[in-house]
Amino acid sequence: MRMFAVTLLLFVIERSFSVDVSTTTTGCVDVSDECTVKNELCDINEYDGLMNYYCKETCARACTLFTTTTTIKPCADVTPDCVAKSELCVMDEFKALTSEYCRKTCGLC
């Protein structure tokens, strides 16, 4: 349960350092690369909001024309708890999340 909570925390953190590039997309697409590994969340009511936004294709949600924003990050940690959770840097199941949110702590830049 602890690992699941950490994953969810990193999954929903706002991006605070960014250069935004917007793209308009039609049809069902996943906004996050983590959707296929978190597909069990599709069927949990508490995660409907997150999964409706991030994982439309994986969760087979209703699709409309929408705009996504890709954020380009400098070499920095986005969340303040990266140093305290640095053990996640070497765990395969957290590679995508730590590379997005803990770039500096994990030595990825």
C-alpha atoms as a PDB file:
ATOM      1  CA  MET A   1       0.000   0.000   0.000  1.00  0.00           C
ATOM      2  CA  ARG A   2       2.864   2.404   0.801  1.00  0.00           C
ATOM      3  CA  MET A   3       4.416   1.953  -2.652  1.00  0.00           C
ATOM      4  CA  PHE A   4       1.007   2.526  -4.260  1.00  0.00           C
ATOM      5  CA  ALA A   5       0.521   5.775  -2.281  1.00  0.00           C
ATOM      6  CA  VAL A   6       3.973   7.045  -3.304  1.00  0.00           C
ATOM      7  CA  THR A   7       3.224   6.254  -6.935  1.00  0.00           C
ATOM      8  CA  LEU A   8      -0.061   8.117  -6.782  1.00  0.00           C
ATOM      9  CA  LEU A   9       1.569  11.101  -5.055  1.00  0.00           C
ATOM     10  CA  LEU A  10       4.171  11.417  -7.795  1.00  0.00           C
ATOM     11  CA  PHE A  11       1.530  10.824 -10.486  1.00  0.00           C
ATOM     12  CA  VAL A  12      -0.589  13.853  -9.513  1.00  0.00           C
ATOM     13  CA  ILE A  13       1.990  16.457  -8.473  1.00  0.00           C
ATOM     14  CA  GLU A  14       1.723  19.751 -10.363  1.00  0.00           C
ATOM     15  CA  ARG A  15       4.658  20.703 -12.543  1.00  0.00           C
ATOM     16  CA  SER A  16       6.281  23.831 -11.121  1.00  0.00           C
ATOM     17  CA  PHE A  17       9.294  24.419 -13.432  1.00  0.00           C
ATOM     18  CA  SER A  18       8.291  24.361 -17.051  1.00  0.00           C
ATOM     19  CA  VAL A  19       8.285  25.457 -20.631  1.00  0.00           C
ATOM     20  CA  ASP A  20       4.886  24.499 -22.036  1.00  0.00           C
ATOM     21  CA  VAL A  21       4.203  23.268 -25.564  1.00  0.00           C
ATOM     22  CA  SER A  22       0.527  22.726 -26.435  1.00  0.00           C
ATOM     23  CA  THR A  23      -0.801  20.137 -28.871  1.00  0.00           C
ATOM     24  CA  THR A  24      -4.423  19.686 -29.949  1.00  0.00           C
ATOM     25  CA  THR A  25      -5.417  16.041 -30.331  1.00  0.00           C
ATOM     26  CA  THR A  26      -8.531  14.234 -31.500  1.00  0.00           C
ATOM     27  CA  GLY A  27      -9.642  10.811 -30.380  1.00  0.00           C
ATOM     28  CA  CYS A  28      -8.670   8.797 -27.339  1.00  0.00           C
ATOM     29  CA  VAL A  29      -5.080   9.035 -26.209  1.00  0.00           C
ATOM     30  CA  ASP A  30      -3.284   8.612 -22.904  1.00  0.00           C
ATOM     31  CA  VAL A  31      -1.641  11.780 -21.610  1.00  0.00           C
ATOM     32  CA  SER A  32       0.658   9.803 -19.289  1.00  0.00           C
ATOM     33  CA  ASP A  33       3.099   7.021 -20.137  1.00  0.00           C
ATOM     34  CA  GLU A  34       2.127   5.360 -16.841  1.00  0.00           C
ATOM     35  CA  CYS A  35      -1.447   4.466 -17.840  1.00  0.00           C
ATOM     36  CA  THR A  36      -0.842   0.890 -18.942  1.00  0.00           C
ATOM     37  CA  VAL A  37       0.959   0.009 -15.706  1.00  0.00           C
ATOM     38  CA  LYS A  38      -1.720   1.723 -13.611  1.00  0.00           C
ATOM     39  CA  ASN A  39      -4.727   0.355 -15.506  1.00  0.00           C
ATOM     40  CA  GLU A  40      -6.161  -1.180 -12.328  1.00  0.00           C
ATOM     41  CA  LEU A  41      -7.074   2.397 -11.284  1.00  0.00           C
ATOM     42  CA  CYS A  42      -9.555   2.605 -14.186  1.00  0.00           C
ATOM     43  CA  ASP A  43     -12.141   0.681 -12.182  1.00  0.00           C
ATOM     44  CA  ILE A  44     -11.746   2.528  -8.858  1.00  0.00           C
ATOM     45  CA  ASN A  45     -14.277   5.358  -8.434  1.00  0.00           C
ATOM     46  CA  GLU A  46     -11.913   7.488  -6.344  1.00  0.00           C
ATOM     47  CA  TYR A  47      -9.553   7.791  -9.336  1.00  0.00           C
ATOM     48  CA  ASP A  48     -12.157   8.618 -12.016  1.00  0.00           C
ATOM     49  CA  GLY A  49     -11.045  12.251 -12.311  1.00  0.00           C
ATOM     50  CA  LEU A  50      -7.376  11.364 -12.736  1.00  0.00           C
ATOM     51  CA  MET A  51      -7.961   8.475 -15.095  1.00  0.00           C
ATOM     52  CA  ASN A  52     -10.506  10.406 -17.187  1.00  0.00           C
ATOM     53  CA  TYR A  53      -7.875  13.070 -17.792  1.00  0.00           C
ATOM     54  CA  TYR A  54      -4.605  11.096 -18.006  1.00  0.00           C
ATOM     55  CA  CYS A  55      -5.661   7.667 -19.329  1.00  0.00           C
ATOM     56  CA  LYS A  56      -8.621   7.982 -21.713  1.00  0.00           C
ATOM     57  CA  GLU A  57      -7.393   5.318 -24.132  1.00  0.00           C
ATOM     58  CA  THR A  58      -6.306   2.768 -21.514  1.00  0.00           C
ATOM     59  CA  CYS A  59      -9.528   3.194 -19.528  1.00  0.00           C
ATOM     60  CA  ALA A  60     -11.767   3.385 -22.637  1.00  0.00           C
ATOM     61  CA  ARG A  61     -13.241   6.763 -21.624  1.00  0.00           C
ATOM     62  CA  ALA A  62     -15.383   9.085 -23.744  1.00  0.00           C
ATOM     63  CA  CYS A  63     -13.210  11.101 -26.105  1.00  0.00           C
ATOM     64  CA  THR A  64     -13.418  14.622 -27.457  1.00  0.00           C
ATOM     65  CA  LEU A  65     -11.123  17.167 -29.059  1.00  0.00           C
ATOM     66  CA  PHE A  66      -8.689  18.366 -26.403  1.00  0.00           C
ATOM     67  CA  THR A  67      -5.380  20.137 -25.910  1.00  0.00           C
ATOM     68  CA  THR A  68      -2.478  18.586 -24.035  1.00  0.00           C
ATOM     69  CA  THR A  69       0.521  20.421 -22.707  1.00  0.00           C
ATOM     70  CA  THR A  70       3.989  18.904 -22.763  1.00  0.00           C
ATOM     71  CA  THR A  71       6.334  20.340 -20.181  1.00  0.00           C
ATOM     72  CA  ILE A  72      10.071  20.581 -20.734  1.00  0.00           C
ATOM     73  CA  LYS A  73      11.890  20.627 -17.403  1.00  0.00           C
ATOM     74  CA  PRO A  74      15.257  21.971 -16.326  1.00  0.00           C
ATOM     75  CA  CYS A  75      17.540  19.891 -14.103  1.00  0.00           C
ATOM     76  CA  ALA A  76      15.555  20.170 -10.886  1.00  0.00           C
ATOM     77  CA  ASP A  77      13.330  18.184  -8.560  1.00  0.00           C
ATOM     78  CA  VAL A  78       9.680  19.124  -8.878  1.00  0.00           C
ATOM     79  CA  THR A  79       8.550  17.600  -5.603  1.00  0.00           C
ATOM     80  CA  PRO A  80      10.259  18.388  -2.289  1.00  0.00           C
ATOM     81  CA  ASP A  81      10.363  14.768  -1.093  1.00  0.00           C
ATOM     82  CA  CYS A  82      12.683  13.398  -3.802  1.00  0.00           C
ATOM     83  CA  VAL A  83      15.742  13.314  -1.538  1.00  0.00           C
ATOM     84  CA  ALA A  84      13.810  11.481   1.184  1.00  0.00           C
ATOM     85  CA  LYS A  85      12.568   8.933  -1.371  1.00  0.00           C
ATOM     86  CA  SER A  86      15.780   8.597  -3.381  1.00  0.00           C
ATOM     87  CA  GLU A  87      15.585   4.778  -3.135  1.00  0.00           C
ATOM     88  CA  LEU A  88      12.827   4.974  -5.778  1.00  0.00           C
ATOM     89  CA  CYS A  89      15.398   6.171  -8.352  1.00  0.00           C
ATOM     90  CA  VAL A  90      16.701   2.630  -8.906  1.00  0.00           C
ATOM     91  CA  MET A  91      13.364   0.802  -8.819  1.00  0.00           C
ATOM     92  CA  ASP A  92      12.114  -0.115 -12.305  1.00  0.00           C
ATOM     93  CA  GLU A  93       8.453   0.512 -11.473  1.00  0.00           C
ATOM     94  CA  PHE A  94       9.263   4.138 -10.560  1.00  0.00           C
ATOM     95  CA  LYS A  95      11.695   5.031 -13.398  1.00  0.00           C
ATOM     96  CA  ALA A  96       9.143   7.012 -15.414  1.00  0.00           C
ATOM     97  CA  LEU A  97       7.924   8.945 -12.392  1.00  0.00           C
ATOM     98  CA  THR A  98      11.338   9.705 -10.930  1.00  0.00           C
ATOM     99  CA  SER A  99      12.671  10.799 -14.326  1.00  0.00           C
ATOM    100  CA  GLU A 100       9.851  13.315 -14.530  1.00  0.00           C
ATOM    101  CA  TYR A 101       9.686  14.562 -10.949  1.00  0.00           C
ATOM    102  CA  CYS A 102      13.111  13.834  -9.361  1.00  0.00           C
ATOM    103  CA  ARG A 103      15.590  14.465 -12.179  1.00  0.00           C
ATOM    104  CA  LYS A 104      18.227  16.139  -9.995  1.00  0.00           C
ATOM    105  CA  THR A 105      18.110  13.673  -7.067  1.00  0.00           C
ATOM    106  CA  CYS A 106      18.181  10.668  -9.409  1.00  0.00           C
ATOM    107  CA  GLY A 107      21.097  12.066 -11.442  1.00  0.00           C
ATOM    108  CA  LEU A 108      19.130  12.134 -14.680  1.00  0.00           C
ATOM    109  CA  CYS A 109      20.366  15.467 -16.039  1.00  0.00           C
END
